[in-house]
């Protein structure tokens, strides 16, 4: 269905226009529609060297794709914008854009980046995974690929329900299960979410591309982490992924039993090296629907917990239990590659009993921080589960031999005891104060 018939929206119909971000090839604005009486989002193409007609074609191609797959799990197109968006004293030339429903809570990526939010409380990751799978299943049922599935392209409404967005790379599937071979190559998208076959010189993307991306997305949902670390190193990832490396996940098994097993199983199936072994979204959605039904009673509490953190971050006190706390180690099945240490993820663990240690609210001196650490050490040994992340923060204060000794311990309590015995007990005020600051940075205090 062509989008030219959609209602055109002009500057005179909009109020309180503000730029709120940038997408794959355009700026995103928020505005209040005067007649509709609700907020809308407007995506406008970046200015560039391409002729306007080329950019318009790209824009309307994305809008048409969004219209074709319009459903509960895809951001809705409301009209076509034409005007000169002005923010402050800046006014742009005449431009066209897509008017879409405004997603109140932004992207999944922005949610995971917020303090005190990540990892998400259970079963919210499971519901989000199910909703994304439903959206992708509908997309594939229309013989379309997304080709850029990642947390920044999953948007959240006021109740943290997920919808797919940013179809700038979306294209018609050339497979539709009509070909027996998986074409290969690399073309656009976020490289950390691209399958191994995409890192070759040329390829024709098929549905298995999106299925792999979904597997990496599941890892991010479970852990709340950025795959392969936060550094932008395309060459390293492009080299390692075709050799079999994936985001580190062995210690995800340490999470509370009976919860993430199904997501982890699907995650590993989706990022299988062989494209034909990656499950279809119709099967993924069915499996996750059954799994979510087992945990559905906890979703209201999980959503309210996150909304409370978002709306009142200074007043929020973490609950006594936080069941999602993924530490990581190098998987044994990964291909061994002699790469610099920056290519490996660090053992990062999140807390499970964050409010069991009472923390002073006033600004503290190093001496007071050290006294707090000494006074609370018995409780800290039992409750801190972010040990290796804290060790990393201490840097040169921990010798390499000591680091290895701490890392070799099989439990968080063992790691904490070793850290205290080898580093904190004799380290003085400076080391203990640094330890205290690291606890705060990782949201334990």
Protein backbone atom coordinates (compact mmCIF):
# COMPACT_ATOMS: atom_id res chain seq x y z
CA UNK A 1 0.00 0.00 0.00
CA UNK A 2 1.49 3.35 -1.04
CA UNK A 3 2.05 5.93 1.68
CA UNK A 4 1.34 8.92 -0.56
CA UNK A 5 -2.34 8.62 0.37
CA UNK A 6 -1.59 9.10 4.07
CA UNK A 7 -2.53 12.35 5.76
CA UNK A 8 0.14 15.01 5.34
CA UNK A 9 1.23 16.80 8.49
CA UNK A 10 2.57 20.36 8.34
CA UNK A 11 4.34 22.60 10.82
CA UNK A 12 1.13 24.49 11.59
CA UNK A 13 -0.37 21.28 13.01
CA UNK A 14 2.52 20.71 15.43
CA UNK A 15 3.45 22.22 18.77
CA UNK A 16 6.37 21.81 21.19
CA UNK A 17 8.70 20.35 18.58
CA UNK A 18 11.96 18.98 20.03
CA UNK A 19 14.74 16.81 18.67
CA UNK A 20 15.04 13.66 20.77
CA UNK A 21 17.58 11.56 18.86
CA UNK A 22 18.96 10.23 15.60
CA UNK A 23 18.28 6.94 13.82
CA UNK A 24 20.02 5.04 11.07
CA UNK A 25 19.58 7.75 8.49
CA UNK A 26 17.49 10.50 10.10
CA UNK A 27 16.78 12.78 13.04
CA UNK A 28 13.84 12.00 15.29
CA UNK A 29 11.61 14.72 16.73
CA UNK A 30 8.84 14.72 19.28
CA UNK A 31 5.86 17.05 18.86
CA UNK A 32 2.29 17.51 20.06
CA UNK A 33 -0.26 17.31 17.24
CA UNK A 34 -2.70 20.16 17.85
CA UNK A 35 -5.72 18.43 16.29
CA UNK A 36 -5.04 14.86 17.42
CA UNK A 37 -4.23 16.03 20.99
CA UNK A 38 -1.41 13.54 21.52
CA UNK A 39 2.36 13.37 21.00
CA UNK A 40 3.85 12.00 17.81
CA UNK A 41 7.35 11.11 16.65
CA UNK A 42 8.68 12.44 13.35
CA UNK A 43 11.61 10.86 11.54
CA UNK A 44 13.32 13.17 9.06
CA UNK A 45 16.15 12.27 6.71
CA UNK A 46 19.69 13.49 7.36
CA UNK A 47 20.93 16.11 4.96
CA UNK A 48 23.60 14.66 2.69
CA UNK A 49 25.09 14.70 -0.75
CA UNK A 50 22.41 12.46 -2.29
CA UNK A 51 19.74 14.12 -4.40
CA UNK A 52 16.51 14.82 -2.50
CA UNK A 53 14.51 12.40 -4.61
CA UNK A 54 16.85 9.55 -3.61
CA UNK A 55 16.48 10.39 0.05
CA UNK A 56 12.72 10.69 -0.29
CA UNK A 57 12.57 7.30 -1.94
CA UNK A 58 14.52 5.80 0.97
CA UNK A 59 12.21 7.46 3.46
CA UNK A 60 9.03 6.30 1.77
CA UNK A 61 10.49 2.84 1.30
CA UNK A 62 10.88 2.61 5.08
CA UNK A 63 7.38 4.01 5.62
CA UNK A 64 5.90 1.52 3.16
CA UNK A 65 7.60 -1.35 4.93
CA UNK A 66 6.19 -0.14 8.24
CA UNK A 67 2.74 0.05 6.68
CA UNK A 68 2.98 -3.44 5.20
CA UNK A 69 3.83 -4.94 8.59
CA UNK A 70 1.51 -2.72 10.62
CA UNK A 71 0.51 -4.67 13.71
CA UNK A 72 0.49 -4.51 17.49
CA UNK A 73 4.24 -5.15 17.64
CA UNK A 74 5.43 -2.63 15.05
CA UNK A 75 5.49 1.15 15.52
CA UNK A 76 2.47 2.62 13.71
CA UNK A 77 2.73 5.10 10.81
CA UNK A 78 0.33 8.03 11.24
CA UNK A 79 1.14 10.28 8.28
CA UNK A 80 3.73 12.09 6.19
CA UNK A 81 5.46 15.21 7.47
CA UNK A 82 6.36 18.11 5.22
CA UNK A 83 7.87 21.26 6.65
CA UNK A 84 10.85 23.04 8.17
CA UNK A 85 11.44 21.72 11.68
CA UNK A 86 12.71 24.47 13.97
CA UNK A 87 14.30 23.82 17.35
CA UNK A 88 15.34 26.99 19.15
CA UNK A 89 16.81 29.43 16.63
CA UNK A 90 17.77 26.67 14.19
CA UNK A 91 15.50 26.13 11.20
CA UNK A 92 16.15 23.52 8.53
CA UNK A 93 15.25 23.59 4.80
CA UNK A 94 11.97 22.08 3.62
CA UNK A 95 12.00 18.37 4.41
CA UNK A 96 9.77 15.32 4.45
CA UNK A 97 9.47 12.70 7.13
CA UNK A 98 7.40 9.89 8.62
CA UNK A 99 4.93 10.71 11.39
CA UNK A 100 4.73 7.78 13.81
CA UNK A 101 3.25 7.00 17.17
CA UNK A 102 5.42 8.32 19.98
CA UNK A 103 6.89 5.60 22.19
CA UNK A 104 6.95 7.04 25.68
CA UNK A 105 9.81 5.01 27.15
CA UNK A 106 12.25 5.28 24.26
CA UNK A 107 14.34 2.35 23.08
CA UNK A 108 15.32 -0.86 24.82
CA UNK A 109 18.93 0.27 24.46
CA UNK A 110 18.31 3.52 26.33
CA UNK A 111 16.47 1.61 29.06
CA UNK A 112 19.36 -0.81 29.56
CA UNK A 113 21.81 2.10 29.67
CA UNK A 114 20.06 3.78 32.60
CA UNK A 115 21.50 3.42 36.14
CA UNK A 116 19.70 0.99 38.46
CA UNK A 117 17.78 -0.55 35.54
CA UNK A 118 19.98 -3.26 34.06
CA UNK A 119 19.68 -6.21 34.20
CA UNK A 120 15.90 -6.11 33.99
CA UNK A 121 13.82 -7.81 36.70
CA UNK A 122 12.19 -11.09 35.79
CA UNK A 123 9.95 -11.81 33.88
CA UNK A 124 10.18 -8.52 31.93
CA UNK A 125 13.03 -9.79 29.69
CA UNK A 126 10.89 -12.80 28.80
CA UNK A 127 7.89 -10.67 27.83
CA UNK A 128 10.04 -8.33 25.74
CA UNK A 129 11.65 -11.31 23.98
CA UNK A 130 8.19 -12.70 23.19
CA UNK A 131 6.91 -9.40 21.82
CA UNK A 132 9.96 -8.91 19.60
CA UNK A 133 9.57 -12.46 18.30
CA UNK A 134 5.91 -11.79 17.47
CA UNK A 135 6.85 -8.65 15.57
CA UNK A 136 9.61 -10.41 13.66
CA UNK A 137 7.36 -13.36 12.87
CA UNK A 138 4.82 -10.99 11.33
CA UNK A 139 7.59 -9.23 9.39
CA UNK A 140 8.88 -12.51 7.96
CA UNK A 141 5.35 -13.64 7.14
CA UNK A 142 5.24 -10.66 4.74
CA UNK A 143 8.50 -11.83 3.12
CA UNK A 144 10.40 -8.87 4.59
CA UNK A 145 13.70 -8.80 6.47
CA UNK A 146 14.54 -6.24 9.12
CA UNK A 147 18.34 -6.52 8.82
CA UNK A 148 19.00 -4.18 11.73
CA UNK A 149 17.43 -5.89 14.74
CA UNK A 150 19.11 -4.61 17.91
CA UNK A 151 18.05 -2.95 21.21
CA UNK A 152 18.09 0.59 19.80
CA UNK A 153 15.51 -0.47 17.21
CA UNK A 154 13.13 -1.93 19.77
CA UNK A 155 10.93 0.84 21.20
CA UNK A 156 8.91 0.74 24.42
CA UNK A 157 5.50 2.19 25.24
CA UNK A 158 4.45 3.62 28.60
CA UNK A 159 4.00 0.12 30.03
CA UNK A 160 7.29 -1.21 28.61
CA UNK A 161 5.70 -3.23 25.82
CA UNK A 162 8.00 -3.66 22.81
CA UNK A 163 7.50 -2.61 19.20
CA UNK A 164 9.88 -2.89 16.24
CA UNK A 165 11.15 0.29 14.61
CA UNK A 166 13.75 1.69 12.20
CA UNK A 167 13.14 -0.13 8.95
CA UNK A 168 15.81 1.82 7.08
CA UNK A 169 17.59 -1.40 6.11
CA UNK A 170 14.45 -3.48 5.66
CA UNK A 171 14.22 -5.28 2.34
CA UNK A 172 12.18 -7.89 0.58
CA UNK A 173 13.38 -11.39 1.37
CA UNK A 174 15.01 -13.20 -1.50
CA UNK A 175 14.72 -16.56 0.19
CA UNK A 176 11.10 -17.14 1.21
CA UNK A 177 12.45 -20.64 1.65
CA UNK A 178 12.78 -20.94 -2.11
CA UNK A 179 16.56 -21.33 -2.05
CA UNK A 180 18.49 -24.20 -0.57
CA UNK A 181 21.60 -22.16 0.05
CA UNK A 182 22.21 -19.27 2.40
CA UNK A 183 23.75 -16.36 0.56
CA UNK A 184 26.55 -14.56 2.33
CA UNK A 185 28.05 -11.10 2.74
CA UNK A 186 27.90 -7.86 4.71
CA UNK A 187 25.61 -4.91 4.10
CA UNK A 188 24.63 -2.40 6.75
CA UNK A 189 23.17 -3.10 10.16
CA UNK A 190 25.00 -3.20 13.49
CA UNK A 191 28.01 -5.46 13.14
CA UNK A 192 27.74 -6.87 16.67
CA UNK A 193 24.35 -8.32 15.73
CA UNK A 194 25.38 -9.64 12.31
CA UNK A 195 25.79 -13.39 11.64
CA UNK A 196 29.13 -14.94 10.69
CA UNK A 197 28.12 -15.41 7.07
CA UNK A 198 27.60 -11.64 6.78
CA UNK A 199 31.32 -10.94 7.23
CA UNK A 200 32.26 -12.25 3.80
CA UNK A 201 32.82 -10.16 0.70
CA UNK A 202 29.34 -10.47 -0.78
CA UNK A 203 26.08 -12.03 0.23
CA UNK A 204 22.32 -11.90 -0.18
CA UNK A 205 20.64 -11.61 3.24
CA UNK A 206 17.92 -14.07 4.14
CA UNK A 207 15.70 -14.64 7.15
CA UNK A 208 18.46 -16.43 9.05
CA UNK A 209 20.20 -13.03 9.29
CA UNK A 210 17.41 -11.68 11.51
CA UNK A 211 17.28 -14.91 13.52
CA UNK A 212 20.95 -14.58 14.43
CA UNK A 213 20.47 -10.92 15.39
CA UNK A 214 17.63 -11.99 17.64
CA UNK A 215 19.94 -14.45 19.41
CA UNK A 216 22.36 -11.64 20.30
CA UNK A 217 19.39 -9.51 21.35
CA UNK A 218 18.30 -12.29 23.74
CA UNK A 219 21.77 -12.27 25.30
CA UNK A 220 21.49 -8.52 25.85
CA UNK A 221 18.02 -8.89 27.36
CA UNK A 222 19.22 -11.56 29.80
CA UNK A 223 22.44 -9.87 30.84
CA UNK A 224 21.71 -6.18 30.34
CA UNK A 225 25.17 -5.89 28.77
CA UNK A 226 26.62 -4.71 25.48
CA UNK A 227 27.80 -7.72 23.42
CA UNK A 228 31.59 -7.93 23.08
CA UNK A 229 32.06 -4.95 25.40
CA UNK A 230 31.47 -1.26 24.83
CA UNK A 231 34.50 -0.62 22.62
CA UNK A 232 33.82 -0.12 18.93
CA UNK A 233 36.12 -2.63 17.24
CA UNK A 234 34.66 -3.86 13.97
CA UNK A 235 37.82 -5.64 12.82
CA UNK A 236 38.06 -7.70 16.01
CA UNK A 237 34.42 -8.76 15.95
CA UNK A 238 34.50 -9.44 12.21
CA UNK A 239 37.51 -11.71 12.75
CA UNK A 240 36.23 -13.62 15.79
CA UNK A 241 32.56 -14.25 14.97
CA UNK A 242 33.15 -16.38 11.85
CA UNK A 243 35.59 -18.44 13.95
CA UNK A 244 32.85 -19.34 16.43
CA UNK A 245 33.05 -16.73 19.19
CA UNK A 246 29.84 -15.43 20.72
CA UNK A 247 29.07 -13.21 23.73
CA UNK A 248 30.29 -14.90 26.91
CA UNK A 249 27.51 -16.76 28.68
CA UNK A 250 28.70 -19.77 30.66
CA UNK A 251 27.86 -18.29 34.04
CA UNK A 252 24.35 -17.29 33.03
CA UNK A 253 23.61 -20.74 34.42
CA UNK A 254 24.27 -19.31 37.88
CA UNK A 255 21.06 -17.32 37.67
CA UNK A 256 18.04 -18.54 39.59
CA UNK A 257 17.06 -22.00 38.26
CA UNK A 258 13.83 -22.32 36.33
CA UNK A 259 13.86 -18.90 34.76
CA UNK A 260 16.21 -18.12 31.89
CA UNK A 261 16.83 -21.65 30.63
CA UNK A 262 14.39 -21.42 27.71
CA UNK A 263 15.69 -18.02 26.63
CA UNK A 264 19.27 -19.27 26.81
CA UNK A 265 18.36 -22.36 24.79
CA UNK A 266 16.73 -20.25 22.08
CA UNK A 267 19.58 -17.75 22.19
CA UNK A 268 22.15 -20.43 21.40
CA UNK A 269 19.97 -21.95 18.69
CA UNK A 270 19.52 -18.55 17.05
CA UNK A 271 23.21 -17.75 16.95
CA UNK A 272 24.17 -21.18 15.62
CA UNK A 273 26.93 -20.97 13.03
CA UNK A 274 24.81 -22.90 10.54
CA UNK A 275 22.00 -20.60 9.27
CA UNK A 276 19.63 -23.48 8.53
CA UNK A 277 19.70 -24.55 12.21
CA UNK A 278 18.40 -21.22 13.49
CA UNK A 279 14.73 -21.57 14.52
CA UNK A 280 11.91 -19.73 12.77
CA UNK A 281 10.24 -16.86 14.58
CA UNK A 282 6.89 -18.64 14.52
CA UNK A 283 8.44 -21.45 16.59
CA UNK A 284 10.33 -19.01 18.83
CA UNK A 285 7.14 -17.06 19.56
CA UNK A 286 5.26 -20.26 20.38
CA UNK A 287 7.96 -21.45 22.78
CA UNK A 288 8.20 -18.08 24.53
CA UNK A 289 4.43 -17.80 24.85
CA UNK A 290 4.38 -21.10 26.73
CA UNK A 291 7.32 -20.03 28.88
CA UNK A 292 5.85 -16.61 29.68
CA UNK A 293 2.59 -18.23 30.80
CA UNK A 294 4.55 -19.91 33.60
CA UNK A 295 5.85 -16.58 34.95
CA UNK A 296 3.08 -14.19 33.91
CA UNK A 297 1.96 -13.48 37.47
CA UNK A 298 5.21 -11.58 38.16
CA UNK A 299 5.09 -9.19 35.20
CA UNK A 300 3.12 -6.41 36.89
CA UNK A 301 5.58 -6.23 39.77
CA UNK A 302 8.58 -6.26 37.41
CA UNK A 303 7.15 -3.47 35.23
CA UNK A 304 6.26 -1.34 38.25
CA UNK A 305 9.73 -1.87 39.67
CA UNK A 306 11.33 -0.50 36.49
CA UNK A 307 8.85 2.36 36.14
CA UNK A 308 9.52 3.37 39.74
CA UNK A 309 13.23 3.44 39.03
CA UNK A 310 12.68 5.52 35.88
CA UNK A 311 10.27 8.01 37.42
CA UNK A 312 11.84 8.35 40.88
CA UNK A 313 15.50 7.36 40.50
CA UNK A 314 16.62 9.26 43.62
CA UNK A 315 13.99 7.73 45.87
CA UNK A 316 14.18 4.18 44.60
CA UNK A 317 15.55 1.58 47.03
CA UNK A 318 16.44 -1.79 45.44
CA UNK A 319 14.46 -4.80 46.64
CA UNK A 320 16.07 -7.34 48.93
CA UNK A 321 16.45 -9.83 46.11
CA UNK A 322 17.50 -9.35 42.53
CA UNK A 323 17.50 -12.72 40.83
CA UNK A 324 19.17 -11.67 37.63
CA UNK A 325 22.90 -11.44 38.20
CA UNK A 326 24.98 -12.72 35.29
CA UNK A 327 28.71 -13.23 35.68
CA UNK A 328 30.68 -14.22 32.60
CA UNK A 329 33.64 -16.35 31.65
CA UNK A 330 35.23 -17.37 28.37
CA UNK A 331 33.17 -20.29 27.03
CA UNK A 332 35.14 -23.49 26.62
CA UNK A 333 33.56 -24.16 23.26
CA UNK A 334 34.77 -20.88 21.76
CA UNK A 335 37.57 -21.06 19.25
CA UNK A 336 40.89 -20.12 20.85
CA UNK A 337 42.32 -17.08 19.09
CA UNK A 338 45.46 -15.14 20.06
CA UNK A 339 43.89 -11.70 20.34
CA UNK A 340 44.72 -8.83 22.70
CA UNK A 341 42.89 -8.89 26.04
CA UNK A 342 40.60 -6.09 24.92
CA UNK A 343 38.77 -8.64 22.80
CA UNK A 344 37.65 -10.64 25.84
CA UNK A 345 34.76 -9.74 28.08
CA UNK A 346 35.49 -9.34 31.76
CA UNK A 347 33.78 -11.40 34.45
CA UNK A 348 31.08 -8.90 35.41
CA UNK A 349 28.60 -9.87 38.04
CA UNK A 350 25.56 -8.00 39.25
CA UNK A 351 24.32 -7.89 42.85
CA UNK A 352 21.67 -10.10 44.31
CA UNK A 353 21.03 -8.46 47.70
CA UNK A 354 21.68 -4.84 47.16
CA UNK A 355 20.09 -3.34 50.25
CA UNK A 356 21.45 -5.78 52.81
CA UNK A 357 24.30 -3.37 53.65
CA UNK A 358 23.23 -0.01 55.08
CA UNK A 359 25.06 2.87 53.43
CA UNK A 360 25.52 6.42 54.76
CA UNK A 361 23.82 8.98 52.54
CA UNK A 362 26.19 11.92 53.18
CA UNK A 363 29.36 12.53 51.19
CA UNK A 364 32.12 10.52 52.81
CA UNK A 365 35.84 11.05 53.24
CA UNK A 366 38.31 8.30 52.34
CA UNK A 367 38.72 7.57 56.05
CA UNK A 368 34.98 7.11 56.52
CA UNK A 369 34.73 4.96 53.40
CA UNK A 370 37.51 2.75 54.72
CA UNK A 371 35.80 2.49 58.11
CA UNK A 372 32.54 1.56 56.42
CA UNK A 373 34.28 -1.21 54.45
CA UNK A 374 35.92 -2.59 57.60
CA UNK A 375 32.70 -2.45 59.62
CA UNK A 376 30.57 -4.05 56.91
CA UNK A 377 33.07 -6.59 55.56
CA UNK A 378 31.30 -9.64 56.99
CA UNK A 379 28.06 -8.65 55.23
CA UNK A 380 29.85 -7.62 52.06
CA UNK A 381 31.51 -11.04 51.76
CA UNK A 382 28.08 -12.66 51.83
CA UNK A 383 26.20 -10.27 49.56
CA UNK A 384 28.53 -8.75 46.94
CA UNK A 385 28.39 -10.62 43.64
CA UNK A 386 30.10 -8.03 41.41
CA UNK A 387 33.54 -9.06 42.59
CA UNK A 388 35.47 -9.31 39.32
CA UNK A 389 33.97 -6.09 38.01
CA UNK A 390 35.15 -4.37 41.21
CA UNK A 391 38.59 -5.95 40.88
CA UNK A 392 38.80 -4.46 37.39
CA UNK A 393 37.94 -1.04 38.82
CA UNK A 394 40.79 -1.31 41.34
CA UNK A 395 43.25 -1.64 38.45
CA UNK A 396 46.91 -1.60 39.51
CA UNK A 397 45.97 -1.90 43.16
CA UNK A 398 45.50 -5.60 42.43
CA UNK A 399 48.62 -7.44 41.22
CA UNK A 400 48.22 -9.85 38.34
CA UNK A 401 48.98 -12.88 40.53
CA UNK A 402 46.36 -11.77 43.04
CA UNK A 403 43.88 -11.18 40.23
CA UNK A 404 44.33 -14.79 39.10
CA UNK A 405 43.88 -16.07 42.65
CA UNK A 406 40.64 -14.13 43.08
CA UNK A 407 39.31 -15.19 39.69
CA UNK A 408 40.05 -18.86 40.40
CA UNK A 409 37.57 -18.99 43.28
CA UNK A 410 34.33 -20.67 42.27
CA UNK A 411 31.90 -18.54 44.30
CA UNK A 412 31.38 -14.82 44.86
CA UNK A 413 31.97 -15.33 48.59
CA UNK A 414 35.29 -17.02 47.88
CA UNK A 415 36.32 -14.22 45.55
CA UNK A 416 35.38 -11.60 48.16
CA UNK A 417 37.31 -13.38 50.92
CA UNK A 418 40.40 -13.55 48.70
CA UNK A 419 40.04 -9.88 47.75
CA UNK A 420 39.80 -8.88 51.39
CA UNK A 421 42.69 -11.10 52.51
CA UNK A 422 45.07 -10.20 49.67
CA UNK A 423 44.17 -6.57 48.94
CA UNK A 424 41.76 -4.78 51.25
CA UNK A 425 43.02 -5.85 54.67
CA UNK A 426 46.50 -4.43 54.10
CA UNK A 427 45.70 -1.85 51.43
CA UNK A 428 44.98 1.13 53.65
CA UNK A 429 42.42 3.89 53.29
CA UNK A 430 43.12 4.58 49.60
CA UNK A 431 42.39 1.03 48.47
CA UNK A 432 39.33 0.64 50.68
CA UNK A 433 37.95 3.98 49.48
CA UNK A 434 38.48 2.86 45.88
CA UNK A 435 36.67 -0.39 46.70
CA UNK A 436 33.77 1.61 48.16
CA UNK A 437 33.58 3.80 45.04
CA UNK A 438 33.58 0.70 42.81
CA UNK A 439 30.65 -0.72 44.77
CA UNK A 440 28.74 2.50 44.14
CA UNK A 441 29.61 2.55 40.44
CA UNK A 442 28.20 -0.94 39.96
CA UNK A 443 25.00 0.05 41.80
CA UNK A 444 25.57 -2.20 44.76
CA UNK A 445 25.40 0.68 47.29
